[in-house]
């Protein structure tokens, strides 16, 4: 079972409670460290966070590598997000940044043995975090910010703002012919594993298959991109050659794959992987044939936007730049203190589809909600009527023509004031995107959602740390004035 943190201070170790941060500094890392130090030194919230971490990490015996306690894992995960840095740079900071090492509880004075972490140790342990656990931790962080930092009174109503943005997934721009190449390439990659392991005689020309198919894919791309005379004929000619070669690959795979030896569990896993890529290869041969040769319009639901990140959606938000984004839409809800209370990853949903679910979650967690504002994308008459039963002020501008009653409501002083304050959520989104939530480098849908949840936690911690340092600077100024 993992330790929460090292309770016994070693000789030469600097206690976390003695960590000093210059309140004049405004960089994100020091603001994050200030918030984490306060939580660590607060017994009530320290216990809540470590209880959640223990439930998720301490019981997963096969997850992660030894040598890191829960506190180190949690802190390094937050540092990665608040700086939007790679694991390589995080590895560098963990071993060389003195302020961070004091917070981790591993920094010692000179002449004592130095504690360092390996890159793989950091990577494997951080990857063990879970989205649901991080959502619960975020609730604890928000509660700490409200009660201990922003000094929110118990009866003070929350003024909430909701909006959505797109978190891009780690994919290249998809076309049916380059996805066909992806399927062929990955099929050949798996075949090469069997060839190297069992010296199969039927696949001695693997490099030829790679080179030929990639060359034809690039020729087809150039033919599509370039203009000139007889463009359609050139596209058709290259597409026919490309599809013919891809079909030959399918036939060869279908003939030889049943003869591959399967002698271990790893072989079984690779065979399942190969069968999946073969199925996708046939699908994309069919799509390219229908679109380029038969001139059909492919229905949206038949298209794929990545054979790796299959959750990826083609999102059009009506903006000029970028016109299209590849990823998932995420709705966030912030309050008057600019803390992010809730986020929701939308799966094939529009903004208006999640309003009631969002409101239910908020009302379960927060009893005093004075107002909530949305933009026009969330408009739905039924949603608004239901929300008004539980929340006094629902700011939701109507799409289309308004009645005189609706015009009078939207022209009222309170409605306009709360509508004008709604724009603050745009700056919250902008900051999230600059802190790493513009693009998710992690692979797989569970890691995609965990990455978003981590970004939300680190955003709130940085906001809290910023306020803590501002309060400390204000107290210093008051003492000097006295």
Protein backbone atom coordinates (compact mmCIF):
# COMPACT_ATOMS: atom_id res chain seq x y z
CA UNK A 1 0.00 0.00 0.00
CA UNK A 2 1.32 3.44 -0.92
CA UNK A 3 2.18 5.95 1.78
CA UNK A 4 0.36 9.28 1.80
CA UNK A 5 3.63 11.13 2.42
CA UNK A 6 6.72 10.67 4.53
CA UNK A 7 5.63 11.52 8.08
CA UNK A 8 9.13 11.10 9.50
CA UNK A 9 11.34 14.04 8.50
CA UNK A 10 14.80 12.84 7.52
CA UNK A 11 18.04 14.47 8.66
CA UNK A 12 18.69 17.55 6.55
CA UNK A 13 15.19 17.58 5.01
CA UNK A 14 13.40 20.93 4.73
CA UNK A 15 9.79 20.65 6.13
CA UNK A 16 7.01 21.56 3.70
CA UNK A 17 5.49 23.91 6.29
CA UNK A 18 8.68 26.03 6.17
CA UNK A 19 8.46 26.54 2.40
CA UNK A 20 8.70 30.28 1.64
CA UNK A 21 7.30 31.86 -1.53
CA UNK A 22 7.85 35.47 -2.53
CA UNK A 23 4.31 36.96 -2.79
CA UNK A 24 5.51 39.35 -5.51
CA UNK A 25 6.15 36.46 -7.90
CA UNK A 26 3.39 35.94 -10.45
CA UNK A 27 4.46 32.81 -12.33
CA UNK A 28 2.00 29.91 -12.47
CA UNK A 29 4.26 27.34 -10.81
CA UNK A 30 4.75 29.40 -7.64
CA UNK A 31 1.02 30.17 -7.46
CA UNK A 32 0.30 26.44 -7.71
CA UNK A 33 2.90 25.64 -5.04
CA UNK A 34 1.37 28.26 -2.71
CA UNK A 35 -2.07 26.61 -2.99
CA UNK A 36 -0.74 23.07 -2.55
CA UNK A 37 1.27 24.09 0.51
CA UNK A 38 -1.85 25.59 2.15
CA UNK A 39 -3.89 22.46 1.47
CA UNK A 40 -1.08 20.24 2.77
CA UNK A 41 -0.86 22.23 6.00
CA UNK A 42 -4.66 22.25 6.51
CA UNK A 43 -5.54 19.03 8.37
CA UNK A 44 -9.21 18.95 7.28
CA UNK A 45 -8.67 19.27 3.53
CA UNK A 46 -5.41 17.31 3.61
CA UNK A 47 -7.37 14.33 4.97
CA UNK A 48 -10.12 14.65 2.35
CA UNK A 49 -7.72 14.71 -0.61
CA UNK A 50 -5.55 11.86 0.64
CA UNK A 51 -8.60 9.71 1.36
CA UNK A 52 -9.65 10.07 -2.28
CA UNK A 53 -6.12 9.39 -3.56
CA UNK A 54 -5.88 6.27 -1.39
CA UNK A 55 -9.15 4.88 -2.73
CA UNK A 56 -7.90 5.21 -6.31
CA UNK A 57 -4.16 4.53 -6.20
CA UNK A 58 -3.36 2.47 -3.12
CA UNK A 59 -5.63 -0.43 -4.12
CA UNK A 60 -4.30 -0.69 -7.69
CA UNK A 61 -1.35 -3.00 -7.09
CA UNK A 62 -0.42 -3.35 -10.76
CA UNK A 63 -0.64 0.35 -11.58
CA UNK A 64 2.46 2.53 -11.48
CA UNK A 65 5.94 1.86 -10.19
CA UNK A 66 7.29 1.80 -6.63
CA UNK A 67 9.10 4.69 -5.01
CA UNK A 68 6.54 7.52 -5.12
CA UNK A 69 4.06 8.39 -2.38
CA UNK A 70 0.59 9.79 -3.04
CA UNK A 71 1.61 13.39 -2.38
CA UNK A 72 4.44 13.30 -4.95
CA UNK A 73 2.16 11.78 -7.62
CA UNK A 74 -0.57 14.37 -7.03
CA UNK A 75 1.79 17.36 -7.02
CA UNK A 76 3.68 16.33 -10.17
CA UNK A 77 0.41 15.73 -12.04
CA UNK A 78 -0.71 19.28 -11.19
CA UNK A 79 2.66 20.78 -12.17
CA UNK A 80 2.52 19.08 -15.56
CA UNK A 81 -0.87 20.65 -16.28
CA UNK A 82 -0.34 24.16 -14.89
CA UNK A 83 2.84 24.58 -16.97
CA UNK A 84 1.46 22.67 -19.98
CA UNK A 85 4.81 20.86 -20.12
CA UNK A 86 6.04 17.50 -21.40
CA UNK A 87 7.00 14.59 -19.17
CA UNK A 88 10.65 15.28 -20.08
CA UNK A 89 10.47 18.81 -18.66
CA UNK A 90 8.49 17.57 -15.65
CA UNK A 91 11.27 15.05 -15.01
CA UNK A 92 13.78 17.90 -15.12
CA UNK A 93 11.76 20.01 -12.66
CA UNK A 94 11.26 17.13 -10.21
CA UNK A 95 15.01 16.62 -9.99
CA UNK A 96 16.28 20.21 -10.25
CA UNK A 97 13.70 22.82 -9.14
CA UNK A 98 14.44 23.47 -5.45
CA UNK A 99 11.06 25.06 -4.59
CA UNK A 100 9.15 22.13 -6.11
CA UNK A 101 11.42 19.59 -4.40
CA UNK A 102 10.74 21.19 -1.00
CA UNK A 103 7.00 20.89 -1.68
CA UNK A 104 7.47 17.23 -2.67
CA UNK A 105 9.29 16.64 0.63
CA UNK A 106 12.50 15.35 -0.97
CA UNK A 107 14.80 18.38 -0.85
CA UNK A 108 17.68 18.14 1.62
CA UNK A 109 20.51 20.42 2.63
CA UNK A 110 24.00 19.89 1.27
CA UNK A 111 26.07 16.82 2.20
CA UNK A 112 23.04 14.53 2.40
CA UNK A 113 22.04 11.84 -0.08
CA UNK A 114 19.99 13.33 -2.91
CA UNK A 115 16.63 11.78 -3.89
CA UNK A 116 15.88 11.72 -7.62
CA UNK A 117 13.16 10.17 -9.79
CA UNK A 118 13.50 8.33 -13.06
CA UNK A 119 11.50 9.49 -16.08
CA UNK A 120 9.58 6.20 -16.35
CA UNK A 121 8.77 6.32 -12.65
CA UNK A 122 7.08 9.71 -13.07
CA UNK A 123 5.26 8.74 -16.26
CA UNK A 124 3.83 5.44 -15.02
CA UNK A 125 2.60 6.82 -11.70
CA UNK A 126 0.89 9.91 -13.12
CA UNK A 127 -0.87 7.76 -15.72
CA UNK A 128 -2.57 5.90 -12.85
CA UNK A 129 -4.84 8.82 -11.94
CA UNK A 130 -8.56 8.48 -12.62
CA UNK A 131 -11.15 10.96 -13.94
CA UNK A 132 -13.86 10.27 -11.36
CA UNK A 133 -11.41 10.62 -8.48
CA UNK A 134 -10.12 13.93 -9.89
CA UNK A 135 -13.68 15.28 -10.13
CA UNK A 136 -14.17 14.56 -6.41
CA UNK A 137 -10.80 16.13 -5.59
CA UNK A 138 -11.84 19.23 -7.55
CA UNK A 139 -14.93 19.54 -5.33
CA UNK A 140 -12.63 19.50 -2.28
CA UNK A 141 -10.36 22.13 -3.87
CA UNK A 142 -13.34 24.38 -4.67
CA UNK A 143 -14.67 24.00 -1.12
CA UNK A 144 -11.22 24.94 0.24
CA UNK A 145 -11.09 27.99 -2.04
CA UNK A 146 -14.56 29.16 -1.06
CA UNK A 147 -14.16 28.75 2.71
CA UNK A 148 -10.48 29.41 3.40
CA UNK A 149 -9.28 31.73 0.63
CA UNK A 150 -12.11 33.74 -0.92
CA UNK A 151 -13.99 33.72 2.43
CA UNK A 152 -17.38 32.98 0.90
CA UNK A 153 -20.10 33.26 3.53
CA UNK A 154 -22.34 30.23 3.96
CA UNK A 155 -25.49 31.94 2.74
CA UNK A 156 -23.91 33.72 -0.23
CA UNK A 157 -25.53 32.63 -3.48
CA UNK A 158 -23.37 31.49 -6.37
CA UNK A 159 -23.52 33.33 -9.69
CA UNK A 160 -22.70 30.70 -12.28
CA UNK A 161 -21.69 30.94 -15.93
CA UNK A 162 -21.63 28.00 -18.39
CA UNK A 163 -20.03 27.76 -21.81
CA UNK A 164 -18.43 25.14 -24.05
CA UNK A 165 -15.22 24.83 -26.05
CA UNK A 166 -13.39 22.11 -27.96
CA UNK A 167 -10.46 20.11 -26.61
CA UNK A 168 -8.62 18.76 -29.63
CA UNK A 169 -7.49 15.13 -29.64
CA UNK A 170 -4.09 13.91 -30.81
CA UNK A 171 -4.93 13.17 -34.47
CA UNK A 172 -3.85 14.29 -37.92
CA UNK A 173 -6.37 15.86 -40.29
CA UNK A 174 -8.43 12.94 -41.62
CA UNK A 175 -9.23 12.06 -45.22
CA UNK A 176 -10.52 8.66 -46.26
CA UNK A 177 -7.38 7.91 -48.32
CA UNK A 178 -4.89 8.81 -45.56
CA UNK A 179 -6.94 6.80 -43.06
CA UNK A 180 -6.74 3.91 -45.52
CA UNK A 181 -2.94 4.27 -45.39
CA UNK A 182 -3.08 4.29 -41.58
CA UNK A 183 -5.00 0.99 -41.64
CA UNK A 184 -2.56 -0.57 -44.11
CA UNK A 185 0.49 0.71 -42.20
CA UNK A 186 -0.71 -0.62 -38.84
CA UNK A 187 -1.67 -3.97 -40.39
CA UNK A 188 1.85 -4.28 -41.78
CA UNK A 189 3.31 -3.20 -38.41
CA UNK A 190 1.58 -6.12 -36.66
CA UNK A 191 2.58 -8.53 -39.43
CA UNK A 192 6.20 -7.43 -38.98
CA UNK A 193 6.03 -8.49 -35.31
CA UNK A 194 5.09 -12.04 -36.36
CA UNK A 195 7.71 -12.03 -39.14
CA UNK A 196 10.52 -11.08 -36.74
CA UNK A 197 9.35 -13.56 -34.11
CA UNK A 198 8.68 -16.60 -36.31
CA UNK A 199 10.63 -15.81 -39.53
CA UNK A 200 7.59 -16.14 -41.81
CA UNK A 201 8.57 -16.72 -45.46
CA UNK A 202 5.49 -15.11 -47.10
CA UNK A 203 6.31 -11.55 -45.99
CA UNK A 204 9.83 -10.88 -47.19
CA UNK A 205 8.69 -7.81 -49.16
CA UNK A 206 7.27 -5.86 -46.22
CA UNK A 207 9.28 -2.72 -47.05
CA UNK A 208 8.00 -2.86 -50.63
CA UNK A 209 4.38 -2.87 -49.37
CA UNK A 210 5.06 0.13 -47.09
CA UNK A 211 6.84 2.11 -49.82
CA UNK A 212 4.30 1.40 -52.59
CA UNK A 213 1.16 2.13 -50.56
CA UNK A 214 2.58 5.31 -49.03
CA UNK A 215 3.70 6.52 -52.46
CA UNK A 216 0.24 5.96 -53.96
CA UNK A 217 -1.42 7.71 -50.99
CA UNK A 218 0.80 10.76 -51.48
CA UNK A 219 0.16 10.78 -55.25
CA UNK A 220 -3.58 10.78 -54.60
CA UNK A 221 -3.20 13.64 -52.13
CA UNK A 222 -1.25 15.71 -54.67
CA UNK A 223 -3.78 14.99 -57.40
CA UNK A 224 -6.57 16.23 -55.11
CA UNK A 225 -4.64 19.36 -54.11
CA UNK A 226 -3.41 20.46 -57.54
CA UNK A 227 -5.59 22.02 -60.22
CA UNK A 228 -5.10 22.01 -63.98
CA UNK A 229 -6.72 20.21 -66.87
CA UNK A 230 -8.19 16.72 -66.54
CA UNK A 231 -8.01 16.83 -62.75
CA UNK A 232 -10.88 14.37 -62.32
CA UNK A 233 -9.26 11.86 -64.69
CA UNK A 234 -5.92 12.09 -62.87
CA UNK A 235 -7.62 11.56 -59.48
CA UNK A 236 -9.55 8.58 -60.84
CA UNK A 237 -6.42 6.99 -62.32
CA UNK A 238 -4.37 7.30 -59.11
CA UNK A 239 -7.30 6.24 -56.93
CA UNK A 240 -7.80 3.08 -59.00
CA UNK A 241 -4.11 2.16 -58.64
CA UNK A 242 -4.20 2.89 -54.89
CA UNK A 243 -7.34 0.84 -54.30
CA UNK A 244 -6.04 -2.03 -56.44
CA UNK A 245 -2.85 -2.24 -54.37
CA UNK A 246 -4.79 -1.96 -51.09
CA UNK A 247 -7.14 -4.74 -52.21
CA UNK A 248 -4.15 -6.96 -53.03
CA UNK A 249 -2.90 -6.37 -49.49
CA UNK A 250 -6.30 -7.38 -48.06
CA UNK A 251 -6.27 -10.59 -50.10
CA UNK A 252 -2.73 -11.44 -49.00
CA UNK A 253 -3.64 -10.81 -45.36
CA UNK A 254 -6.77 -12.95 -45.61
CA UNK A 255 -4.72 -15.78 -47.14
CA UNK A 256 -1.71 -15.75 -44.81
CA UNK A 257 -2.96 -14.52 -41.43
CA UNK A 258 -4.81 -17.80 -40.60
CA UNK A 259 -1.45 -19.60 -40.92
CA UNK A 260 0.36 -17.37 -38.38
CA UNK A 261 1.58 -19.36 -35.32
CA UNK A 262 -0.01 -18.36 -32.01
CA UNK A 263 2.13 -19.53 -29.10
CA UNK A 264 1.50 -16.98 -26.34
CA UNK A 265 -1.03 -14.54 -24.87
CA UNK A 266 0.86 -11.70 -26.59
CA UNK A 267 0.31 -13.43 -29.94
CA UNK A 268 -3.44 -13.65 -29.26
CA UNK A 269 -3.54 -9.91 -28.44
CA UNK A 270 -1.61 -9.05 -31.61
CA UNK A 271 -3.96 -11.22 -33.68
CA UNK A 272 -7.01 -9.34 -32.33
CA UNK A 273 -5.26 -6.07 -33.14
CA UNK A 274 -4.49 -7.24 -36.68
CA UNK A 275 -8.08 -8.37 -37.29
CA UNK A 276 -9.33 -4.93 -36.21
CA UNK A 277 -6.97 -3.12 -38.61
CA UNK A 278 -7.96 -5.50 -41.44
CA UNK A 279 -11.63 -4.72 -40.86
CA UNK A 280 -10.92 -0.97 -40.92
CA UNK A 281 -8.78 -1.40 -44.05
CA UNK A 282 -11.70 -2.97 -45.93
CA UNK A 283 -14.05 -0.24 -44.66
CA UNK A 284 -11.82 2.56 -45.98
CA UNK A 285 -11.26 0.85 -49.33
CA UNK A 286 -15.02 0.89 -49.67
CA UNK A 287 -15.28 4.58 -48.64
CA UNK A 288 -12.57 5.74 -51.08
CA UNK A 289 -14.14 3.71 -53.89
CA UNK A 290 -17.60 5.15 -53.27
CA UNK A 291 -16.44 8.76 -52.92
CA UNK A 292 -13.79 9.09 -55.63
CA UNK A 293 -14.82 6.51 -58.23
CA UNK A 294 -18.60 6.23 -57.80
CA UNK A 295 -19.02 9.91 -56.81
CA UNK A 296 -21.26 9.15 -53.84
CA UNK A 297 -21.75 11.46 -50.88
CA UNK A 298 -20.73 9.58 -47.75
CA UNK A 299 -23.17 10.01 -44.82
CA UNK A 300 -21.55 11.64 -41.78
CA UNK A 301 -22.32 8.69 -39.48
CA UNK A 302 -20.27 6.33 -41.70
CA UNK A 303 -17.12 8.45 -41.51
CA UNK A 304 -14.22 7.95 -39.11
CA UNK A 305 -11.87 10.74 -38.07
CA UNK A 306 -9.12 8.58 -36.61
CA UNK A 307 -8.47 4.85 -36.43
CA UNK A 308 -6.57 5.40 -33.16
CA UNK A 309 -8.59 8.02 -31.25
CA UNK A 310 -11.97 6.66 -32.34
CA UNK A 311 -13.88 8.98 -29.97
CA UNK A 312 -12.82 12.02 -32.05
CA UNK A 313 -15.68 14.16 -33.41
CA UNK A 314 -15.82 16.65 -36.30
CA UNK A 315 -16.91 19.80 -34.45
CA UNK A 316 -18.17 22.90 -36.28
CA UNK A 317 -18.89 25.76 -33.85
CA UNK A 318 -19.67 28.39 -36.49
CA UNK A 319 -16.35 30.20 -36.09
CA UNK A 320 -14.32 31.50 -39.00
CA UNK A 321 -10.99 30.37 -37.58
CA UNK A 322 -10.81 27.50 -36.97
CA UNK A 323 -13.82 26.46 -39.01
CA UNK A 324 -13.46 22.81 -37.94
CA UNK A 325 -11.98 21.26 -34.79
CA UNK A 326 -11.26 17.57 -34.18
CA UNK A 327 -11.86 16.44 -30.62
CA UNK A 328 -14.63 16.69 -28.03
CA UNK A 329 -16.74 19.57 -26.79
CA UNK A 330 -16.44 20.31 -23.07
CA UNK A 331 -18.84 22.46 -21.06
CA UNK A 332 -17.49 24.21 -17.97
CA UNK A 333 -19.30 26.07 -15.17
CA UNK A 334 -17.51 28.85 -13.27
CA UNK A 335 -18.62 31.05 -10.36
CA UNK A 336 -18.08 34.69 -9.36
CA UNK A 337 -14.66 33.80 -7.88
CA UNK A 338 -13.57 32.38 -11.27
CA UNK A 339 -13.33 28.88 -9.80
CA UNK A 340 -14.36 26.05 -12.08
CA UNK A 341 -17.09 24.09 -10.29
CA UNK A 342 -17.96 21.50 -12.89
CA UNK A 343 -17.03 20.24 -16.33
CA UNK A 344 -18.79 17.84 -18.68
CA UNK A 345 -17.27 16.07 -21.70
CA UNK A 346 -19.99 15.89 -24.34
CA UNK A 347 -20.27 12.65 -26.29
CA UNK A 348 -22.14 13.24 -29.57
CA UNK A 349 -24.20 15.93 -27.77
CA UNK A 350 -25.11 19.53 -28.47
CA UNK A 351 -25.02 22.28 -25.86
CA UNK A 352 -28.77 22.29 -25.33
CA UNK A 353 -28.82 18.51 -24.70
CA UNK A 354 -26.87 18.67 -21.43
CA UNK A 355 -28.49 21.66 -19.67
CA UNK A 356 -30.74 19.65 -17.35
CA UNK A 357 -28.03 17.09 -16.51
CA UNK A 358 -25.65 19.94 -15.75
CA UNK A 359 -28.22 21.67 -13.53
CA UNK A 360 -28.98 18.44 -11.62
CA UNK A 361 -25.30 17.92 -10.83
CA UNK A 362 -24.90 21.54 -9.70
CA UNK A 363 -28.00 21.52 -7.50
CA UNK A 364 -26.88 18.27 -5.86
CA UNK A 365 -23.56 19.82 -4.85
CA UNK A 366 -24.41 23.50 -4.26
CA UNK A 367 -27.58 24.54 -2.48
CA UNK A 368 -27.41 28.31 -2.95
CA UNK A 369 -27.41 29.15 -6.65
CA UNK A 370 -28.62 32.68 -7.31
CA UNK A 371 -28.19 32.74 -11.08
CA UNK A 372 -26.83 30.77 -13.99
CA UNK A 373 -26.10 32.16 -17.46
CA UNK A 374 -25.71 30.45 -20.84
CA UNK A 375 -25.11 31.59 -24.39
CA UNK A 376 -27.61 31.08 -27.23
CA UNK A 377 -26.34 27.60 -28.08
CA UNK A 378 -27.95 26.28 -24.87
CA UNK A 379 -31.38 27.74 -25.64
CA UNK A 380 -34.39 25.45 -25.24
CA UNK A 381 -37.76 26.63 -23.98
CA UNK A 382 -38.46 23.48 -21.93
CA UNK A 383 -34.99 23.56 -20.36
CA UNK A 384 -35.45 27.15 -19.29
CA UNK A 385 -38.86 26.52 -17.74
CA UNK A 386 -37.55 23.58 -15.71
CA UNK A 387 -34.45 25.47 -14.56
CA UNK A 388 -36.55 28.42 -13.38
CA UNK A 389 -38.29 26.10 -10.90
CA UNK A 390 -35.01 25.67 -8.98
CA UNK A 391 -32.94 28.75 -9.84
CA UNK A 392 -34.23 32.31 -9.51
CA UNK A 393 -32.34 33.91 -12.40
CA UNK A 394 -31.78 31.83 -15.55
CA UNK A 395 -29.99 33.90 -18.19
CA UNK A 396 -30.60 32.13 -21.48
CA UNK A 397 -31.04 34.33 -24.55
CA UNK A 398 -33.62 33.06 -26.99
CA UNK A 399 -32.69 31.93 -30.48
CA UNK A 400 -34.80 33.52 -33.21
CA UNK A 401 -37.69 35.96 -32.92
CA UNK A 402 -38.75 37.01 -29.42
CA UNK A 403 -42.20 37.88 -28.09
CA UNK A 404 -42.82 41.23 -26.38
CA UNK A 405 -42.69 39.49 -22.99
CA UNK A 406 -39.33 37.90 -23.82
CA UNK A 407 -37.98 41.21 -25.11
CA UNK A 408 -39.03 42.93 -21.90
CA UNK A 409 -37.34 40.21 -19.82
CA UNK A 410 -34.10 40.36 -21.78
CA UNK A 411 -34.11 44.16 -21.59
CA UNK A 412 -34.46 44.26 -17.80
CA UNK A 413 -31.60 45.69 -15.75
CA UNK A 414 -30.86 42.46 -13.84
CA UNK A 415 -30.89 40.29 -16.98
CA UNK A 416 -28.52 42.65 -18.83
CA UNK A 417 -26.18 42.90 -15.84
CA UNK A 418 -25.89 39.12 -15.47
CA UNK A 419 -25.62 38.68 -19.24
CA UNK A 420 -22.71 41.14 -19.36
CA UNK A 421 -20.96 39.27 -16.54
CA UNK A 422 -21.30 36.03 -18.54
CA UNK A 423 -18.41 37.09 -20.79
CA UNK A 424 -16.01 36.38 -17.90
CA UNK A 425 -16.31 32.66 -18.69
CA UNK A 426 -14.58 33.33 -22.03
CA UNK A 427 -11.45 34.48 -20.20
CA UNK A 428 -11.64 31.34 -18.03
CA UNK A 429 -11.74 29.20 -21.18
CA UNK A 430 -8.85 31.16 -22.68
CA UNK A 431 -6.74 30.52 -19.59
CA UNK A 432 -7.62 26.81 -19.61
CA UNK A 433 -6.51 26.57 -23.25
CA UNK A 434 -3.21 28.31 -22.47
CA UNK A 435 -2.67 25.89 -19.57
CA UNK A 436 -2.85 22.86 -21.86
CA UNK A 437 -6.54 22.27 -22.49
CA UNK A 438 -6.42 23.39 -26.11
CA UNK A 439 -4.95 20.03 -27.18
CA UNK A 440 -4.70 16.68 -25.40
CA UNK A 441 -1.44 14.82 -26.17
CA UNK A 442 -2.50 11.70 -24.23
CA UNK A 443 -3.76 8.63 -26.09
CA UNK A 444 -7.09 6.88 -25.47
CA UNK A 445 -10.50 8.15 -24.37
CA UNK A 446 -10.04 7.41 -20.61
CA UNK A 447 -6.73 9.33 -20.64
CA UNK A 448 -8.38 12.13 -22.64
CA UNK A 449 -11.02 12.59 -19.92
CA UNK A 450 -8.43 12.28 -17.13
CA UNK A 451 -6.31 14.95 -18.81
CA UNK A 452 -9.28 17.35 -18.80
CA UNK A 453 -10.07 16.62 -15.14
CA UNK A 454 -6.41 17.24 -14.20
CA UNK A 455 -6.43 20.55 -16.07
CA UNK A 456 -9.54 21.65 -14.15
CA UNK A 457 -7.91 20.83 -10.78
CA UNK A 458 -4.67 22.64 -11.65
CA UNK A 459 -6.62 25.67 -12.94
CA UNK A 460 -8.48 25.99 -9.61
CA UNK A 461 -5.31 25.46 -7.58
CA UNK A 462 -3.51 28.19 -9.52
CA UNK A 463 -6.44 30.58 -8.99
CA UNK A 464 -6.41 29.84 -5.27
CA UNK A 465 -2.61 30.26 -5.09
CA UNK A 466 -2.82 33.59 -6.90
CA UNK A 467 -5.38 34.85 -4.37
CA UNK A 468 -3.27 33.59 -1.44
CA UNK A 469 -0.21 35.49 -2.66
CA UNK A 470 -2.30 38.63 -3.29
CA UNK A 471 -3.68 38.43 0.27
CA UNK A 472 -0.18 38.03 1.69
CA UNK A 473 1.10 40.99 -0.34
CA UNK A 474 -1.85 43.08 0.88
CA UNK A 475 -1.04 42.24 4.52
CA UNK A 476 2.59 43.24 4.00
CA UNK A 477 1.47 46.55 2.50
CA UNK A 478 -0.84 47.19 5.48
CA UNK A 479 1.95 46.48 7.97
CA UNK A 480 4.28 48.86 6.15
CA UNK A 481 1.58 51.56 6.09
CA UNK A 482 1.02 51.15 9.83
